[in-house]
C-alpha atoms as a PDB file:
ATOM      1  CA  UNK A   1      -8.340  13.843 -15.141  1.00  0.00           C
ATOM      2  CA  UNK A   2     -10.411  16.705 -13.389  1.00  0.00           C
ATOM      3  CA  UNK A   3      -9.459  18.373 -10.331  1.00  0.00           C
ATOM      4  CA  UNK A   4     -12.638  19.344  -7.924  1.00  0.00           C
ATOM      5  CA  UNK A   5     -10.848  21.645  -5.599  1.00  0.00           C
ATOM      6  CA  UNK A   6      -7.831  21.758  -3.401  1.00  0.00           C
ATOM      7  CA  UNK A   7      -6.963  20.803   0.314  1.00  0.00           C
ATOM      8  CA  UNK A   8      -4.387  22.927   2.082  1.00  0.00           C
ATOM      9  CA  UNK A   9      -2.826  20.396   4.612  1.00  0.00           C
ATOM     10  CA  UNK A  10       0.078  20.596   7.367  1.00  0.00           C
ATOM     11  CA  UNK A  11       2.232  18.280   8.519  1.00  0.00           C
ATOM     12  CA  UNK A  12       4.720  18.835  11.547  1.00  0.00           C
ATOM     13  CA  UNK A  13       8.191  17.876  11.384  1.00  0.00           C
ATOM     14  CA  UNK A  14       8.922  14.370  12.282  1.00  0.00           C
ATOM     15  CA  UNK A  15       5.665  13.243  11.730  1.00  0.00           C
ATOM     16  CA  UNK A  16       3.845  11.561   8.812  1.00  0.00           C
ATOM     17  CA  UNK A  17       0.067  12.250   9.251  1.00  0.00           C
ATOM     18  CA  UNK A  18      -1.134  15.094   7.398  1.00  0.00           C
ATOM     19  CA  UNK A  19      -3.809  17.206   8.796  1.00  0.00           C
ATOM     20  CA  UNK A  20      -6.667  19.085   6.716  1.00  0.00           C
ATOM     21  CA  UNK A  21      -6.734  22.722   7.167  1.00  0.00           C
ATOM     22  CA  UNK A  22      -8.874  24.529   4.617  1.00  0.00           C
ATOM     23  CA  UNK A  23     -10.520  23.512   1.211  1.00  0.00           C
ATOM     24  CA  UNK A  24     -10.692  25.822  -1.645  1.00  0.00           C
ATOM     25  CA  UNK A  25     -11.973  25.949  -5.175  1.00  0.00           C
ATOM     26  CA  UNK A  26      -8.966  27.140  -7.119  1.00  0.00           C
ATOM     27  CA  UNK A  27      -5.102  26.647  -6.967  1.00  0.00           C
ATOM     28  CA  UNK A  28      -4.291  30.333  -6.810  1.00  0.00           C
ATOM     29  CA  UNK A  29      -6.386  30.723  -3.671  1.00  0.00           C
ATOM     30  CA  UNK A  30      -4.592  27.584  -2.208  1.00  0.00           C
ATOM     31  CA  UNK A  31      -1.301  29.132  -2.835  1.00  0.00           C
ATOM     32  CA  UNK A  32      -2.225  32.309  -1.502  1.00  0.00           C
ATOM     33  CA  UNK A  33      -3.342  30.872   1.758  1.00  0.00           C
ATOM     34  CA  UNK A  34      -0.184  28.643   2.135  1.00  0.00           C
ATOM     35  CA  UNK A  35       2.132  31.659   1.654  1.00  0.00           C
ATOM     36  CA  UNK A  36      -0.265  33.590   4.355  1.00  0.00           C
ATOM     37  CA  UNK A  37       0.100  30.801   6.910  1.00  0.00           C
ATOM     38  CA  UNK A  38       3.746  30.538   6.203  1.00  0.00           C
ATOM     39  CA  UNK A  39       4.088  34.330   7.356  1.00  0.00           C
ATOM     40  CA  UNK A  40       1.464  34.458  10.051  1.00  0.00           C
ATOM     41  CA  UNK A  41       1.304  32.467  12.855  1.00  0.00           C
ATOM     42  CA  UNK A  42      -1.855  29.996  12.459  1.00  0.00           C
ATOM     43  CA  UNK A  43      -3.318  28.391  15.322  1.00  0.00           C
ATOM     44  CA  UNK A  44      -4.542  24.829  15.651  1.00  0.00           C
ATOM     45  CA  UNK A  45      -8.512  24.412  15.259  1.00  0.00           C
ATOM     46  CA  UNK A  46      -8.565  22.231  18.257  1.00  0.00           C
ATOM     47  CA  UNK A  47      -6.139  23.475  20.858  1.00  0.00           C
ATOM     48  CA  UNK A  48      -5.872  26.844  19.579  1.00  0.00           C
ATOM     49  CA  UNK A  49      -2.208  26.982  19.853  1.00  0.00           C
ATOM     50  CA  UNK A  50      -0.163  28.275  17.234  1.00  0.00           C
ATOM     51  CA  UNK A  51       1.411  25.878  14.830  1.00  0.00           C
ATOM     52  CA  UNK A  52       4.860  25.348  14.731  1.00  0.00           C
ATOM     53  CA  UNK A  53       7.322  23.742  12.753  1.00  0.00           C
ATOM     54  CA  UNK A  54       4.852  22.749   9.919  1.00  0.00           C
ATOM     55  CA  UNK A  55       5.053  21.942   6.480  1.00  0.00           C
ATOM     56  CA  UNK A  56       1.990  23.227   4.135  1.00  0.00           C
ATOM     57  CA  UNK A  57       1.101  21.305   1.298  1.00  0.00           C
ATOM     58  CA  UNK A  58      -1.525  21.520  -1.547  1.00  0.00           C
ATOM     59  CA  UNK A  59      -3.237  18.558  -2.405  1.00  0.00           C
ATOM     60  CA  UNK A  60      -5.533  17.966  -5.265  1.00  0.00           C
ATOM     61  CA  UNK A  61      -9.276  16.851  -4.777  1.00  0.00           C
ATOM     62  CA  UNK A  62      -9.574  14.292  -7.534  1.00  0.00           C
ATOM     63  CA  UNK A  63     -12.565  12.271  -6.868  1.00  0.00           C
ATOM     64  CA  UNK A  64     -16.662  13.688  -6.577  1.00  0.00           C
ATOM     65  CA  UNK A  65     -17.139  11.887  -3.676  1.00  0.00           C
ATOM     66  CA  UNK A  66     -14.311  13.146  -1.366  1.00  0.00           C
ATOM     67  CA  UNK A  67     -15.455  16.973  -2.910  1.00  0.00           C
ATOM     68  CA  UNK A  68     -18.955  16.116  -1.521  1.00  0.00           C
ATOM     69  CA  UNK A  69     -17.533  14.931   1.731  1.00  0.00           C
ATOM     70  CA  UNK A  70     -15.162  17.652   2.413  1.00  0.00           C
ATOM     71  CA  UNK A  71     -17.798  20.562   1.372  1.00  0.00           C
ATOM     72  CA  UNK A  72     -20.662  18.830   3.598  1.00  0.00           C
ATOM     73  CA  UNK A  73     -19.887  20.720   6.731  1.00  0.00           C
ATOM     74  CA  UNK A  74     -19.278  24.055   5.098  1.00  0.00           C
ATOM     75  CA  UNK A  75     -21.125  26.674   7.060  1.00  0.00           C
ATOM     76  CA  UNK A  76     -22.039  29.037   3.875  1.00  0.00           C
END
């Protein structure tokens, strides 16, 4: 099975829903991002408040259609 990239998601404690924060092509950059977000306060993209009490997760992108959908709005 081929992985097309990785999603860095977070889940607030006590909640079940995961929210997408970042999409990367390599697992090493996803790990680096998670380590950075765990040590530095990261703002929520909509409310600009710092995320507190969250668990960071790395989820592989398994289908090409999901990969295309996630990178569709990429600014570069």
